[in-house]
């Protein structure tokens, strides 16, 4: 599951539990696309709590998203 907080050019992402394809499709990708459209480049803080893994499809979603938006992230901290 993702919890997302956007503050100007900063995106705070909290990942908990097992990440699924639906988490990416319904939450992360739409929020990220909107934030990038509004701010052009983002600084990202990814906080991981009680993490139980990632579904294979979700890992693929993450890879595709990272490649598509590789120039849209200024800094990323995990």
PDB file of N, CA and C in Angstrom:
ATOM      1  N   UNK A   1       0.838  -1.169   0.000  1.00  0.00           N
ATOM      2  CA  UNK A   1       0.000   0.000   0.000  1.00  0.00           C
ATOM      3  C   UNK A   1       0.891   1.243   0.000  1.00  0.00           C
ATOM      4  N   UNK A   2       0.445   2.273  -0.700  1.00  0.00           N
ATOM      5  CA  UNK A   2       1.160   3.533  -0.748  1.00  0.00           C
ATOM      6  C   UNK A   2       0.352   4.621  -0.063  1.00  0.00           C
ATOM      7  N   UNK A   3       1.059   5.463   0.652  1.00  0.00           N
ATOM      8  CA  UNK A   3       0.490   6.704   1.174  1.00  0.00           C
ATOM      9  C   UNK A   3       1.362   7.800   0.595  1.00  0.00           C
ATOM     10  N   UNK A   4       0.734   8.796  -0.036  1.00  0.00           N
ATOM     11  CA  UNK A   4       1.488   9.813  -0.750  1.00  0.00           C
ATOM     12  C   UNK A   4       1.128  11.197  -0.230  1.00  0.00           C
ATOM     13  N   UNK A   5       2.174  11.990   0.025  1.00  0.00           N
ATOM     14  CA  UNK A   5       2.006  13.377   0.439  1.00  0.00           C
ATOM     15  C   UNK A   5       2.861  14.227  -0.494  1.00  0.00           C
ATOM     16  N   UNK A   6       2.239  15.245  -1.095  1.00  0.00           N
ATOM     17  CA  UNK A   6       2.957  16.113  -2.016  1.00  0.00           C
ATOM     18  C   UNK A   6       2.992  17.516  -1.432  1.00  0.00           C
ATOM     19  N   UNK A   7       4.213  18.047  -1.306  1.00  0.00           N
ATOM     20  CA  UNK A   7       4.440  19.391  -0.789  1.00  0.00           C
ATOM     21  C   UNK A   7       5.316  20.136  -1.791  1.00  0.00           C
ATOM     22  N   UNK A   8       4.685  20.958  -2.612  1.00  0.00           N
ATOM     23  CA  UNK A   8       5.388  21.697  -3.664  1.00  0.00           C
ATOM     24  C   UNK A   8       6.177  20.730  -4.538  1.00  0.00           C
ATOM     25  N   UNK A   9       7.500  20.781  -4.517  1.00  0.00           N
ATOM     26  CA  UNK A   9       8.304  19.901  -5.371  1.00  0.00           C
ATOM     27  C   UNK A   9       8.805  18.666  -4.635  1.00  0.00           C
ATOM     28  N   UNK A  10       8.209  18.371  -3.495  1.00  0.00           N
ATOM     29  CA  UNK A  10       8.619  17.214  -2.693  1.00  0.00           C
ATOM     30  C   UNK A  10       7.501  16.198  -2.635  1.00  0.00           C
ATOM     31  N   UNK A  11       7.842  14.961  -2.908  1.00  0.00           N
ATOM     32  CA  UNK A  11       6.887  13.871  -2.823  1.00  0.00           C
ATOM     33  C   UNK A  11       7.351  12.931  -1.723  1.00  0.00           C
ATOM     34  N   UNK A  12       6.526  12.759  -0.706  1.00  0.00           N
ATOM     35  CA  UNK A  12       6.823  11.848   0.404  1.00  0.00           C
ATOM     36  C   UNK A  12       5.965  10.614   0.189  1.00  0.00           C
ATOM     37  N   UNK A  13       6.611   9.505  -0.045  1.00  0.00           N
ATOM     38  CA  UNK A  13       5.948   8.245  -0.348  1.00  0.00           C
ATOM     39  C   UNK A  13       6.186   7.281   0.801  1.00  0.00           C
ATOM     40  N   UNK A  14       5.113   6.731   1.360  1.00  0.00           N
ATOM     41  CA  UNK A  14       5.231   5.745   2.435  1.00  0.00           C
ATOM     42  C   UNK A  14       4.697   4.417   1.895  1.00  0.00           C
ATOM     43  N   UNK A  15       5.547   3.413   1.862  1.00  0.00           N
ATOM     44  CA  UNK A  15       5.178   2.088   1.371  1.00  0.00           C
ATOM     45  C   UNK A  15       5.079   1.131   2.551  1.00  0.00           C
ATOM     46  N   UNK A  16       3.934   0.462   2.666  1.00  0.00           N
ATOM     47  CA  UNK A  16       3.733  -0.506   3.750  1.00  0.00           C
ATOM     48  C   UNK A  16       3.117  -1.784   3.187  1.00  0.00           C
ATOM     49  N   UNK A  17       3.340  -2.868   3.901  1.00  0.00           N
ATOM     50  CA  UNK A  17       2.746  -4.140   3.498  1.00  0.00           C
ATOM     51  C   UNK A  17       3.364  -4.674   2.230  1.00  0.00           C
ATOM     52  N   UNK A  18       2.575  -5.420   1.461  1.00  0.00           N
ATOM     53  CA  UNK A  18       3.027  -5.969   0.179  1.00  0.00           C
ATOM     54  C   UNK A  18       2.507  -5.071  -0.928  1.00  0.00           C
ATOM     55  N   UNK A  19       3.405  -4.595  -1.786  1.00  0.00           N
ATOM     56  CA  UNK A  19       3.019  -3.716  -2.873  1.00  0.00           C
ATOM     57  C   UNK A  19       2.454  -4.540  -4.028  1.00  0.00           C
ATOM     58  N   UNK A  20       1.306  -4.106  -4.545  1.00  0.00           N
ATOM     59  CA  UNK A  20       0.623  -4.834  -5.607  1.00  0.00           C
ATOM     60  C   UNK A  20       0.504  -3.988  -6.864  1.00  0.00           C
ATOM     61  N   UNK A  21       0.155  -4.649  -7.942  1.00  0.00           N
ATOM     62  CA  UNK A  21      -0.093  -3.974  -9.221  1.00  0.00           C
ATOM     63  C   UNK A  21      -1.188  -2.918  -9.038  1.00  0.00           C
ATOM     64  N   UNK A  22      -2.217  -3.251  -8.290  1.00  0.00           N
ATOM     65  CA  UNK A  22      -3.321  -2.317  -8.053  1.00  0.00           C
ATOM     66  C   UNK A  22      -2.859  -1.077  -7.292  1.00  0.00           C
ATOM     67  N   UNK A  23      -1.913  -1.235  -6.372  1.00  0.00           N
ATOM     68  CA  UNK A  23      -1.359  -0.086  -5.654  1.00  0.00           C
ATOM     69  C   UNK A  23      -0.723   0.894  -6.628  1.00  0.00           C
ATOM     70  N   UNK A  24      -0.027   0.375  -7.617  1.00  0.00           N
ATOM     71  CA  UNK A  24       0.618   1.234  -8.608  1.00  0.00           C
ATOM     72  C   UNK A  24      -0.419   1.877  -9.526  1.00  0.00           C
ATOM     73  N   UNK A  25      -1.359   1.087 -10.026  1.00  0.00           N
ATOM     74  CA  UNK A  25      -2.344   1.570 -10.984  1.00  0.00           C
ATOM     75  C   UNK A  25      -3.308   2.576 -10.361  1.00  0.00           C
ATOM     76  N   UNK A  26      -3.786   2.289  -9.161  1.00  0.00           N
ATOM     77  CA  UNK A  26      -4.817   3.139  -8.544  1.00  0.00           C
ATOM     78  C   UNK A  26      -4.247   4.300  -7.742  1.00  0.00           C
ATOM     79  N   UNK A  27      -3.036   4.173  -7.213  1.00  0.00           N
ATOM     80  CA  UNK A  27      -2.524   5.191  -6.304  1.00  0.00           C
ATOM     81  C   UNK A  27      -1.270   5.875  -6.832  1.00  0.00           C
ATOM     82  N   UNK A  28      -0.185   5.141  -6.933  1.00  0.00           N
ATOM     83  CA  UNK A  28       1.108   5.767  -7.204  1.00  0.00           C
ATOM     84  C   UNK A  28       1.201   6.427  -8.580  1.00  0.00           C
ATOM     85  N   UNK A  29       0.879   5.717  -9.625  1.00  0.00           N
ATOM     86  CA  UNK A  29       1.065   6.258 -10.979  1.00  0.00           C
ATOM     87  C   UNK A  29       0.215   7.515 -11.206  1.00  0.00           C
ATOM     88  N   UNK A  30      -1.089   7.523 -10.892  1.00  0.00           N
ATOM     89  CA  UNK A  30      -1.858   8.760 -11.108  1.00  0.00           C
ATOM     90  C   UNK A  30      -1.349   9.938 -10.276  1.00  0.00           C
ATOM     91  N   UNK A  31      -1.007   9.711  -9.017  1.00  0.00           N
ATOM     92  CA  UNK A  31      -0.503  10.787  -8.153  1.00  0.00           C
ATOM     93  C   UNK A  31       0.838  11.305  -8.661  1.00  0.00           C
ATOM     94  N   UNK A  32       1.700  10.401  -9.064  1.00  0.00           N
ATOM     95  CA  UNK A  32       3.017  10.785  -9.563  1.00  0.00           C
ATOM     96  C   UNK A  32       2.908  11.570 -10.865  1.00  0.00           C
ATOM     97  N   UNK A  33       2.078  11.093 -11.796  1.00  0.00           N
ATOM     98  CA  UNK A  33       1.887  11.788 -13.074  1.00  0.00           C
ATOM     99  C   UNK A  33       1.381  13.208 -12.835  1.00  0.00           C
ATOM    100  N   UNK A  34       0.437  13.363 -11.929  1.00  0.00           N
ATOM    101  CA  UNK A  34      -0.130  14.673 -11.625  1.00  0.00           C
ATOM    102  C   UNK A  34       0.923  15.593 -11.001  1.00  0.00           C
ATOM    103  N   UNK A  35       1.712  15.079 -10.074  1.00  0.00           N
ATOM    104  CA  UNK A  35       2.751  15.873  -9.419  1.00  0.00           C
ATOM    105  C   UNK A  35       3.834  16.298 -10.407  1.00  0.00           C
ATOM    106  N   UNK A  36       4.208  15.417 -11.310  1.00  0.00           N
ATOM    107  CA  UNK A  36       5.230  15.739 -12.310  1.00  0.00           C
ATOM    108  C   UNK A  36       4.692  16.790 -13.285  1.00  0.00           C
ATOM    109  N   UNK A  37       3.451  16.632 -13.694  1.00  0.00           N
ATOM    110  CA  UNK A  37       2.838  17.594 -14.610  1.00  0.00           C
ATOM    111  C   UNK A  37       2.810  18.992 -13.998  1.00  0.00           C
ATOM    112  N   UNK A  38       2.551  19.053 -12.706  1.00  0.00           N
ATOM    113  CA  UNK A  38       2.449  20.339 -12.011  1.00  0.00           C
ATOM    114  C   UNK A  38       3.820  20.945 -11.687  1.00  0.00           C
ATOM    115  N   UNK A  39       4.788  20.115 -11.281  1.00  0.00           N
ATOM    116  CA  UNK A  39       6.071  20.609 -10.781  1.00  0.00           C
ATOM    117  C   UNK A  39       7.267  20.332 -11.672  1.00  0.00           C
ATOM    118  N   UNK A  40       7.135  19.508 -12.676  1.00  0.00           N
ATOM    119  CA  UNK A  40       8.179  19.154 -13.642  1.00  0.00           C
ATOM    120  C   UNK A  40       9.285  18.274 -13.060  1.00  0.00           C
ATOM    121  N   UNK A  41       9.925  18.661 -11.972  1.00  0.00           N
ATOM    122  CA  UNK A  41      10.930  17.801 -11.349  1.00  0.00           C
ATOM    123  C   UNK A  41      10.609  17.678  -9.873  1.00  0.00           C
ATOM    124  N   UNK A  42      10.800  16.476  -9.352  1.00  0.00           N
ATOM    125  CA  UNK A  42      10.458  16.205  -7.963  1.00  0.00           C
ATOM    126  C   UNK A  42      11.661  15.706  -7.173  1.00  0.00           C
ATOM    127  N   UNK A  43      11.654  16.021  -5.896  1.00  0.00           N
ATOM    128  CA  UNK A  43      12.529  15.385  -4.926  1.00  0.00           C
ATOM    129  C   UNK A  43      11.653  14.368  -4.209  1.00  0.00           C
ATOM    130  N   UNK A  44      12.123  13.145  -4.087  1.00  0.00           N
ATOM    131  CA  UNK A  44      11.299  12.066  -3.540  1.00  0.00           C
ATOM    132  C   UNK A  44      11.936  11.497  -2.282  1.00  0.00           C
ATOM    133  N   UNK A  45      11.122  11.360  -1.252  1.00  0.00           N
ATOM    134  CA  UNK A  45      11.512  10.651  -0.038  1.00  0.00           C
ATOM    135  C   UNK A  45      10.615   9.432   0.062  1.00  0.00           C
ATOM    136  N   UNK A  46      11.210   8.251  -0.008  1.00  0.00           N
ATOM    137  CA  UNK A  46      10.461   7.004   0.082  1.00  0.00           C
ATOM    138  C   UNK A  46      10.724   6.378   1.449  1.00  0.00           C
ATOM    139  N   UNK A  47       9.681   6.254   2.235  1.00  0.00           N
ATOM    140  CA  UNK A  47       9.765   5.677   3.572  1.00  0.00           C
ATOM    141  C   UNK A  47       9.125   4.293   3.519  1.00  0.00           C
ATOM    142  N   UNK A  48       9.834   3.295   4.019  1.00  0.00           N
ATOM    143  CA  UNK A  48       9.354   1.918   3.964  1.00  0.00           C
ATOM    144  C   UNK A  48       9.108   1.422   5.384  1.00  0.00           C
ATOM    145  N   UNK A  49       7.842   0.999   5.644  1.00  0.00           N
ATOM    146  CA  UNK A  49       7.456   0.521   6.982  1.00  0.00           C
ATOM    147  C   UNK A  49       6.757  -0.830   6.850  1.00  0.00           C
ATOM    148  N   UNK A  50       7.082  -1.743   7.734  1.00  0.00           N
ATOM    149  CA  UNK A  50       6.428  -3.064   7.742  1.00  0.00           C
ATOM    150  C   UNK A  50       6.290  -3.640   6.335  1.00  0.00           C
ATOM    151  N   UNK A  51       7.367  -3.610   5.597  1.00  0.00           N
ATOM    152  CA  UNK A  51       7.384  -4.023   4.197  1.00  0.00           C
ATOM    153  C   UNK A  51       7.377  -5.540   4.091  1.00  0.00           C
ATOM    154  N   UNK A  52       6.490  -6.077   3.231  1.00  0.00           N
ATOM    155  CA  UNK A  52       6.363  -7.526   3.059  1.00  0.00           C
ATOM    156  C   UNK A  52       6.635  -7.991   1.631  1.00  0.00           C
ATOM    157  N   UNK A  53       7.216  -7.127   0.806  1.00  0.00           N
ATOM    158  CA  UNK A  53       7.572  -7.545  -0.544  1.00  0.00           C
ATOM    159  C   UNK A  53       6.756  -6.861  -1.623  1.00  0.00           C
ATOM    160  N   UNK A  54       7.011  -7.311  -2.865  1.00  0.00           N
ATOM    161  CA  UNK A  54       6.401  -6.713  -4.046  1.00  0.00           C
ATOM    162  C   UNK A  54       5.940  -7.825  -4.968  1.00  0.00           C
ATOM    163  N   UNK A  55       4.737  -7.711  -5.505  1.00  0.00           N
ATOM    164  CA  UNK A  55       4.279  -8.646  -6.528  1.00  0.00           C
ATOM    165  C   UNK A  55       5.124  -8.457  -7.786  1.00  0.00           C
ATOM    166  N   UNK A  56       5.273  -9.494  -8.586  1.00  0.00           N
ATOM    167  CA  UNK A  56       6.068  -9.423  -9.805  1.00  0.00           C
ATOM    168  C   UNK A  56       5.545  -8.328 -10.741  1.00  0.00           C
ATOM    169  N   UNK A  57       4.241  -8.250 -10.935  1.00  0.00           N
ATOM    170  CA  UNK A  57       3.659  -7.232 -11.804  1.00  0.00           C
ATOM    171  C   UNK A  57       3.933  -5.833 -11.260  1.00  0.00           C
ATOM    172  N   UNK A  58       3.910  -5.672  -9.942  1.00  0.00           N
ATOM    173  CA  UNK A  58       4.192  -4.376  -9.319  1.00  0.00           C
ATOM    174  C   UNK A  58       5.661  -3.985  -9.549  1.00  0.00           C
ATOM    175  N   UNK A  59       6.557  -4.949  -9.481  1.00  0.00           N
ATOM    176  CA  UNK A  59       7.969  -4.671  -9.748  1.00  0.00           C
ATOM    177  C   UNK A  59       8.148  -4.213 -11.193  1.00  0.00           C
ATOM    178  N   UNK A  60       7.414  -4.838 -12.103  1.00  0.00           N
ATOM    179  CA  UNK A  60       7.460  -4.447 -13.509  1.00  0.00           C
ATOM    180  C   UNK A  60       6.910  -3.025 -13.685  1.00  0.00           C
ATOM    181  N   UNK A  61       5.795  -2.717 -12.989  1.00  0.00           N
ATOM    182  CA  UNK A  61       5.221  -1.364 -13.024  1.00  0.00           C
ATOM    183  C   UNK A  61       6.242  -0.341 -12.541  1.00  0.00           C
ATOM    184  N   UNK A  62       6.970  -0.687 -11.485  1.00  0.00           N
ATOM    185  CA  UNK A  62       7.967   0.216 -10.915  1.00  0.00           C
ATOM    186  C   UNK A  62       9.102   0.471 -11.907  1.00  0.00           C
ATOM    187  N   UNK A  63       9.562  -0.578 -12.563  1.00  0.00           N
ATOM    188  CA  UNK A  63      10.633  -0.445 -13.552  1.00  0.00           C
ATOM    189  C   UNK A  63      10.196   0.441 -14.720  1.00  0.00           C
ATOM    190  N   UNK A  64       8.997   0.182 -15.255  1.00  0.00           N
ATOM    191  CA  UNK A  64       8.491   0.982 -16.374  1.00  0.00           C
ATOM    192  C   UNK A  64       8.327   2.445 -15.979  1.00  0.00           C
ATOM    193  N   UNK A  65       7.808   2.689 -14.787  1.00  0.00           N
ATOM    194  CA  UNK A  65       7.618   4.046 -14.310  1.00  0.00           C
ATOM    195  C   UNK A  65       8.964   4.750 -14.142  1.00  0.00           C
ATOM    196  N   UNK A  66       9.940   4.051 -13.589  1.00  0.00           N
ATOM    197  CA  UNK A  66      11.267   4.623 -13.399  1.00  0.00           C
ATOM    198  C   UNK A  66      11.941   4.994 -14.701  1.00  0.00           C
ATOM    199  N   UNK A  67      11.792   4.156 -15.701  1.00  0.00           N
ATOM    200  CA  UNK A  67      12.379   4.441 -17.015  1.00  0.00           C
ATOM    201  C   UNK A  67      11.669   5.621 -17.676  1.00  0.00           C
ATOM    202  N   UNK A  68      10.347   5.623 -17.626  1.00  0.00           N
ATOM    203  CA  UNK A  68       9.560   6.683 -18.257  1.00  0.00           C
ATOM    204  C   UNK A  68       9.860   8.052 -17.641  1.00  0.00           C
ATOM    205  N   UNK A  69      10.034   8.085 -16.324  1.00  0.00           N
ATOM    206  CA  UNK A  69      10.194   9.357 -15.615  1.00  0.00           C
ATOM    207  C   UNK A  69      11.616   9.578 -15.093  1.00  0.00           C
ATOM    208  N   UNK A  70      12.596   8.935 -15.676  1.00  0.00           N
ATOM    209  CA  UNK A  70      13.964   9.018 -15.160  1.00  0.00           C
ATOM    210  C   UNK A  70      14.502  10.441 -15.092  1.00  0.00           C
ATOM    211  N   UNK A  71      14.030  11.326 -15.936  1.00  0.00           N
ATOM    212  CA  UNK A  71      14.517  12.714 -15.927  1.00  0.00           C
ATOM    213  C   UNK A  71      13.620  13.628 -15.098  1.00  0.00           C
ATOM    214  N   UNK A  72      12.549  13.084 -14.524  1.00  0.00           N
ATOM    215  CA  UNK A  72      11.606  13.890 -13.759  1.00  0.00           C
ATOM    216  C   UNK A  72      11.912  13.908 -12.260  1.00  0.00           C
ATOM    217  N   UNK A  73      12.921  13.154 -11.836  1.00  0.00           N
ATOM    218  CA  UNK A  73      13.286  13.119 -10.432  1.00  0.00           C
ATOM    219  C   UNK A  73      14.612  13.849 -10.235  1.00  0.00           C
ATOM    220  N   UNK A  74      14.614  14.838  -9.371  1.00  0.00           N
ATOM    221  CA  UNK A  74      15.830  15.569  -9.062  1.00  0.00           C
ATOM    222  C   UNK A  74      16.690  14.749  -8.101  1.00  0.00           C
ATOM    223  N   UNK A  75      16.112  14.389  -6.964  1.00  0.00           N
ATOM    224  CA  UNK A  75      16.798  13.568  -5.963  1.00  0.00           C
ATOM    225  C   UNK A  75      15.814  12.549  -5.388  1.00  0.00           C
ATOM    226  N   UNK A  76      16.349  11.386  -5.028  1.00  0.00           N
ATOM    227  CA  UNK A  76      15.526  10.343  -4.420  1.00  0.00           C
ATOM    228  C   UNK A  76      16.254   9.830  -3.187  1.00  0.00           C
ATOM    229  N   UNK A  77      15.542   9.769  -2.074  1.00  0.00           N
ATOM    230  CA  UNK A  77      16.097   9.219  -0.820  1.00  0.00           C
ATOM    231  C   UNK A  77      15.181   8.107  -0.353  1.00  0.00           C
ATOM    232  N   UNK A  78      15.790   7.009   0.079  1.00  0.00           N
ATOM    233  CA  UNK A  78      15.013   5.866   0.574  1.00  0.00           C
ATOM    234  C   UNK A  78      15.373   5.647   2.027  1.00  0.00           C
TER     235      UNK A  78
END
